[in-house]
């Protein structure tokens, strides 16, 4: 059978599914600018060539579709294929060095090269997911202090909070590393005070202080911030975490009756934007708070930490 593409001006799910099901790849011209759903499909489709799956994984991992273990498995297959050369083979080699390099400096250099080789923020976060377990093997040393925020973000992307917390003693209060760990720690004794919040705010170069907004929302949702400090900081950021909508009332009610399934569903509804720039402080606060209240504290902590890392 001959597959005819003449006259086809756009890709759709039906055409894409039949194409990869028959062991073919769609024409590159049709895939330029195609929606991300095709990359997500390619990342998990076993019939698609490994390099195409890896290209899709650079988007799929950031969307939560592929775990760190799945990413490592994919790159391991690429490394084992001698007929695969070029950039993907080089990245597979870098990943191997990130795990098996004899010196910690060599491992850190390979990890950093994988991060910095990303073309945009989303791809870079996928590379954080890819290197999560390699980051967990890095020693806590002053030499790697500049990379500590990304190392912690990578570990938390795979839920490795225990490994990430090793950096707690090295993290300066008010730094991005400190903020992620303040949210990710399973337990915290003393509430965060205004001095720590102001210190983070002064170091925050994100758009419209988004990271600071997310930090406050996450800490408030987890009950880890002094109430007076939270109110003052919210006033400085010009946000109102007590603002009510139909959605906020629904997710609060679901938590009130201890319905984890409904809380998860409503949390998903509240996270339907195409990027963290679409997330609001109010939504994040209620998502973290509701998950925490129904016993899903680990999920609440990881979502809050990721929000700050990607804000």
Protein backbone atom coordinates (compact mmCIF):
# COMPACT_ATOMS: atom_id res chain seq x y z
CA UNK A 1 0.00 0.00 0.00
CA UNK A 2 1.25 3.47 -0.87
CA UNK A 3 0.68 6.22 1.67
CA UNK A 4 -0.27 9.44 -0.10
CA UNK A 5 0.30 12.79 1.59
CA UNK A 6 -0.42 14.97 -1.44
CA UNK A 7 -3.08 17.50 -0.64
CA UNK A 8 -2.82 17.00 3.15
CA UNK A 9 -2.26 20.40 4.74
CA UNK A 10 -2.53 19.60 8.44
CA UNK A 11 -2.05 16.75 10.89
CA UNK A 12 -4.90 15.36 12.97
CA UNK A 13 -5.04 12.57 15.58
CA UNK A 14 -6.58 10.05 13.16
CA UNK A 15 -3.84 10.54 10.55
CA UNK A 16 -1.11 10.52 13.18
CA UNK A 17 -2.35 7.33 14.85
CA UNK A 18 -2.59 5.43 11.56
CA UNK A 19 0.84 6.67 10.48
CA UNK A 20 2.75 5.48 13.54
CA UNK A 21 0.65 2.29 13.78
CA UNK A 22 1.97 1.28 10.36
CA UNK A 23 5.57 1.94 11.37
CA UNK A 24 5.91 5.21 9.46
CA UNK A 25 6.68 8.75 10.55
CA UNK A 26 4.59 11.74 9.47
CA UNK A 27 6.16 14.23 7.08
CA UNK A 28 8.27 16.76 8.98
CA UNK A 29 6.48 19.66 7.26
CA UNK A 30 3.16 18.59 8.76
CA UNK A 31 4.64 18.25 12.25
CA UNK A 32 6.14 21.74 12.41
CA UNK A 33 4.10 23.70 14.88
CA UNK A 34 1.86 20.71 15.63
CA UNK A 35 0.19 20.62 19.07
CA UNK A 36 2.16 19.08 21.92
CA UNK A 37 -0.19 16.10 22.14
CA UNK A 38 1.66 14.49 19.24
CA UNK A 39 5.00 14.79 21.06
CA UNK A 40 3.39 13.28 24.16
CA UNK A 41 2.11 10.36 22.08
CA UNK A 42 5.49 9.84 20.40
CA UNK A 43 7.26 9.71 23.76
CA UNK A 44 5.32 6.63 24.89
CA UNK A 45 4.74 4.90 21.55
CA UNK A 46 7.00 1.80 21.26
CA UNK A 47 6.75 1.70 17.45
CA UNK A 48 8.22 5.19 17.04
CA UNK A 49 12.02 5.47 16.48
CA UNK A 50 14.00 6.03 19.66
CA UNK A 51 15.25 9.46 18.62
CA UNK A 52 11.70 10.63 17.89
CA UNK A 53 10.61 9.27 21.26
CA UNK A 54 13.45 11.17 22.95
CA UNK A 55 12.41 14.38 21.19
CA UNK A 56 8.88 13.85 22.45
CA UNK A 57 10.19 13.05 25.92
CA UNK A 58 11.74 16.53 26.12
CA UNK A 59 8.16 17.79 26.32
CA UNK A 60 6.40 14.82 27.91
CA UNK A 61 8.58 14.68 31.03
CA UNK A 62 7.85 18.31 31.87
CA UNK A 63 4.14 17.53 31.52
CA UNK A 64 4.37 14.68 34.02
CA UNK A 65 3.80 11.95 31.42
CA UNK A 66 7.21 10.29 31.78
CA UNK A 67 8.96 9.59 35.07
CA UNK A 68 12.67 9.96 35.62
CA UNK A 69 13.09 6.17 35.52
CA UNK A 70 11.25 6.01 32.18
CA UNK A 71 13.45 8.76 30.77
CA UNK A 72 16.63 6.99 31.87
CA UNK A 73 15.37 3.74 30.35
CA UNK A 74 14.72 5.51 27.04
CA UNK A 75 18.19 7.05 26.92
CA UNK A 76 19.72 3.71 27.91
CA UNK A 77 18.19 2.16 24.82
CA UNK A 78 19.63 4.98 22.71
CA UNK A 79 23.06 4.44 24.25
CA UNK A 80 22.91 0.73 23.42
CA UNK A 81 22.07 1.34 19.74
CA UNK A 82 25.35 1.69 17.87
CA UNK A 83 23.60 2.92 14.73
CA UNK A 84 22.28 6.01 16.54
CA UNK A 85 24.74 8.88 16.25
CA UNK A 86 24.65 12.64 16.57
CA UNK A 87 23.07 14.75 19.30
CA UNK A 88 20.94 12.01 20.86
CA UNK A 89 23.88 9.63 21.15
CA UNK A 90 25.91 12.45 22.70
CA UNK A 91 23.19 13.14 25.26
CA UNK A 92 22.97 9.46 26.12
CA UNK A 93 26.72 9.47 26.67
CA UNK A 94 26.46 12.55 28.88
CA UNK A 95 23.76 10.87 30.93
CA UNK A 96 25.98 7.85 31.45
CA UNK A 97 28.78 10.13 32.65
CA UNK A 98 26.30 11.91 34.94
CA UNK A 99 25.73 8.60 36.70
CA UNK A 100 29.06 6.83 36.42
CA UNK A 101 31.73 9.55 36.17
CA UNK A 102 34.63 8.81 38.47
CA UNK A 103 34.88 12.34 39.87
CA UNK A 104 31.95 14.32 41.23
CA UNK A 105 33.09 17.33 39.19
CA UNK A 106 32.84 15.24 36.00
CA UNK A 107 29.33 14.11 36.93
CA UNK A 108 28.26 17.67 37.69
CA UNK A 109 29.69 18.91 34.41
CA UNK A 110 27.74 16.27 32.48
CA UNK A 111 24.52 17.08 34.35
CA UNK A 112 24.96 20.80 33.74
CA UNK A 113 25.63 20.23 30.07
CA UNK A 114 22.38 18.29 29.75
CA UNK A 115 20.48 21.10 31.46
CA UNK A 116 22.08 23.92 29.49
CA UNK A 117 21.61 22.12 26.19
CA UNK A 118 17.86 22.62 26.42
CA UNK A 119 16.32 25.14 24.08
CA UNK A 120 13.61 26.44 26.41
CA UNK A 121 12.40 26.33 30.00
CA UNK A 122 10.09 23.37 29.46
CA UNK A 123 12.79 21.25 27.84
CA UNK A 124 15.17 22.23 30.61
CA UNK A 125 12.74 20.98 33.23
CA UNK A 126 12.44 17.70 31.33
CA UNK A 127 16.21 17.42 31.60
CA UNK A 128 15.89 17.99 35.36
CA UNK A 129 13.52 15.02 35.43
CA UNK A 130 16.01 13.03 33.34
CA UNK A 131 18.87 13.71 35.77
CA UNK A 132 16.92 13.34 39.04
CA UNK A 133 18.69 10.21 40.25
CA UNK A 134 22.06 11.46 39.07
CA UNK A 135 21.45 14.64 41.09
CA UNK A 136 20.66 12.48 44.13
CA UNK A 137 24.14 10.94 43.86
CA UNK A 138 25.92 14.29 43.97
CA UNK A 139 27.73 15.09 47.25
CA UNK A 140 26.73 18.17 49.23
CA UNK A 141 29.74 20.38 48.64
CA UNK A 142 30.37 24.11 48.47
CA UNK A 143 31.77 23.59 44.96
CA UNK A 144 28.25 22.81 43.74
CA UNK A 145 26.42 25.50 45.68
CA UNK A 146 25.61 27.46 42.53
CA UNK A 147 23.83 24.42 41.09
CA UNK A 148 22.07 23.45 44.32
CA UNK A 149 18.68 24.94 43.36
CA UNK A 150 18.58 22.93 40.13
CA UNK A 151 19.91 19.81 41.85
CA UNK A 152 17.13 20.06 44.44
CA UNK A 153 14.52 20.76 41.75
CA UNK A 154 15.71 17.70 39.83
CA UNK A 155 15.49 15.45 42.88
CA UNK A 156 12.05 16.73 43.83
CA UNK A 157 10.84 16.14 40.27
CA UNK A 158 11.21 12.44 41.07
CA UNK A 159 9.92 12.77 44.64
CA UNK A 160 13.37 12.27 46.16
CA UNK A 161 12.73 14.63 49.06
CA UNK A 162 14.97 12.70 51.45
CA UNK A 163 17.96 13.11 49.15
CA UNK A 164 17.13 16.75 48.48
CA UNK A 165 16.96 17.58 52.17
CA UNK A 166 20.66 16.80 52.51
CA UNK A 167 21.20 20.27 51.03
CA UNK A 168 19.24 21.93 53.83
CA UNK A 169 22.25 22.82 55.98
CA UNK A 170 24.01 24.35 52.97
CA UNK A 171 21.05 26.42 51.73
CA UNK A 172 20.97 30.10 52.66
CA UNK A 173 17.66 31.36 54.04
CA UNK A 174 15.86 33.22 51.27
CA UNK A 175 17.51 31.29 48.43
CA UNK A 176 15.63 29.24 45.86
CA UNK A 177 17.18 26.08 47.32
CA UNK A 178 15.88 27.01 50.77
CA UNK A 179 12.39 27.79 49.45
CA UNK A 180 12.01 24.43 47.73
CA UNK A 181 13.19 22.55 50.81
CA UNK A 182 10.93 24.58 53.11
CA UNK A 183 8.01 23.26 51.06
CA UNK A 184 9.30 19.75 50.38
CA UNK A 185 10.28 18.73 53.91
CA UNK A 186 7.85 16.14 55.34
CA UNK A 187 7.75 18.01 58.63
CA UNK A 188 8.70 21.47 59.78
CA UNK A 189 8.87 22.65 63.36
CA UNK A 190 9.00 26.43 63.29
CA UNK A 191 6.79 28.47 60.94
CA UNK A 192 8.44 30.68 58.33
CA UNK A 193 8.75 34.27 59.51
CA UNK A 194 8.58 37.59 57.68
CA UNK A 195 12.36 37.96 57.56
CA UNK A 196 12.79 34.76 55.54
CA UNK A 197 9.94 35.73 53.18
CA UNK A 198 11.37 39.21 52.63
CA UNK A 199 14.80 37.73 51.95
CA UNK A 200 13.37 35.45 49.28
CA UNK A 201 11.40 38.35 47.81
CA UNK A 202 14.54 40.47 47.50
CA UNK A 203 16.25 37.67 45.53
CA UNK A 204 13.22 36.92 43.33
CA UNK A 205 13.72 37.94 39.69
CA UNK A 206 10.73 36.01 38.33
CA UNK A 207 8.02 37.78 36.35
CA UNK A 208 5.78 39.79 38.70
CA UNK A 209 7.37 37.97 41.66
CA UNK A 210 5.61 34.76 40.68
CA UNK A 211 7.98 32.57 42.70
CA UNK A 212 7.29 34.63 45.82
CA UNK A 213 3.56 34.35 45.23
CA UNK A 214 3.82 30.58 44.83
CA UNK A 215 6.05 30.28 47.90
CA UNK A 216 3.49 32.07 50.05
CA UNK A 217 0.61 30.03 48.59
CA UNK A 218 2.45 26.75 49.19
CA UNK A 219 3.53 27.59 52.71
CA UNK A 220 0.05 28.81 53.63
CA UNK A 221 -1.53 25.69 52.14
CA UNK A 222 0.78 23.50 54.21
CA UNK A 223 0.32 25.63 57.34
CA UNK A 224 4.04 26.45 57.52
CA UNK A 225 4.01 30.23 57.71
CA UNK A 226 3.35 32.65 60.54
CA UNK A 227 -0.14 34.06 60.02
CA UNK A 228 0.83 37.69 60.60
CA UNK A 229 3.84 37.32 58.29
CA UNK A 230 1.62 35.69 55.66
CA UNK A 231 -0.89 38.54 55.80
CA UNK A 232 1.82 41.19 55.50
CA UNK A 233 3.55 39.36 52.65
CA UNK A 234 0.25 38.88 50.79
CA UNK A 235 -0.39 42.60 51.11
CA UNK A 236 3.05 43.36 49.68
CA UNK A 237 2.39 41.03 46.74
CA UNK A 238 -1.16 42.40 46.31
CA UNK A 239 -2.80 38.98 46.45
CA UNK A 240 -5.78 37.71 48.43
CA UNK A 241 -5.60 34.00 49.24
CA UNK A 242 -9.07 34.21 50.79
CA UNK A 243 -10.71 35.16 47.50
CA UNK A 244 -13.61 32.79 46.76
CA UNK A 245 -14.81 31.32 43.48
CA UNK A 246 -17.13 28.43 42.68
CA UNK A 247 -14.07 26.20 42.22
CA UNK A 248 -12.48 27.19 45.55
CA UNK A 249 -15.72 26.43 47.38
CA UNK A 250 -15.98 23.03 45.73
CA UNK A 251 -12.43 21.92 46.53
CA UNK A 252 -12.75 23.15 50.13
CA UNK A 253 -15.99 21.20 50.52
CA UNK A 254 -14.35 18.07 49.07
CA UNK A 255 -11.56 18.38 51.64
CA UNK A 256 -14.09 19.03 54.41
CA UNK A 257 -15.74 15.64 53.76
CA UNK A 258 -12.32 13.93 53.31
CA UNK A 259 -12.85 12.89 49.69
CA UNK A 260 -9.34 12.44 48.23
CA UNK A 261 -10.58 11.34 44.79
CA UNK A 262 -12.73 14.43 44.34
CA UNK A 263 -9.94 16.68 45.65
CA UNK A 264 -7.55 15.20 43.06
CA UNK A 265 -10.10 15.69 40.31
CA UNK A 266 -10.70 19.31 41.28
CA UNK A 267 -6.97 19.91 41.63
CA UNK A 268 -6.58 18.72 38.06
CA UNK A 269 -9.35 21.05 36.96
CA UNK A 270 -7.53 23.91 38.65
CA UNK A 271 -4.29 23.13 36.79
CA UNK A 272 -5.55 23.21 33.20
CA UNK A 273 -3.36 26.07 32.04
CA UNK A 274 -0.65 25.39 29.48
CA UNK A 275 2.12 26.67 31.78
CA UNK A 276 2.92 27.72 35.31
CA UNK A 277 2.46 31.34 34.26
CA UNK A 278 -1.26 30.54 34.07
CA UNK A 279 -1.38 29.29 37.67
CA UNK A 280 -2.69 31.74 40.26
CA UNK A 281 -1.68 31.96 43.89
CA UNK A 282 -5.28 31.33 44.96
CA UNK A 283 -5.51 28.12 42.93
CA UNK A 284 -2.16 26.84 44.18
CA UNK A 285 -3.07 27.62 47.79
CA UNK A 286 -6.32 25.68 47.63
CA UNK A 287 -4.79 22.75 45.71
CA UNK A 288 -1.97 22.35 48.23
CA UNK A 289 -4.25 22.88 51.21
CA UNK A 290 -6.92 20.42 50.06
CA UNK A 291 -4.42 17.70 49.14
CA UNK A 292 -2.68 18.12 52.48
CA UNK A 293 -5.94 17.95 54.43
CA UNK A 294 -7.06 14.65 52.84
CA UNK A 295 -3.80 12.84 53.56
CA UNK A 296 -1.99 13.48 50.27
CA UNK A 297 0.70 15.59 51.87
CA UNK A 298 3.52 14.21 49.73
CA UNK A 299 1.70 15.23 46.56
CA UNK A 300 0.89 18.63 48.07
CA UNK A 301 4.53 19.24 49.00
CA UNK A 302 5.91 18.22 45.61
CA UNK A 303 3.38 20.36 43.72
CA UNK A 304 4.21 23.39 45.88
CA UNK A 305 7.95 22.89 45.44
CA UNK A 306 7.61 22.43 41.68
CA UNK A 307 5.53 25.59 41.42
CA UNK A 308 8.30 27.62 43.04
CA UNK A 309 11.00 25.94 40.93
CA UNK A 310 9.14 26.60 37.67
CA UNK A 311 7.48 29.88 38.54
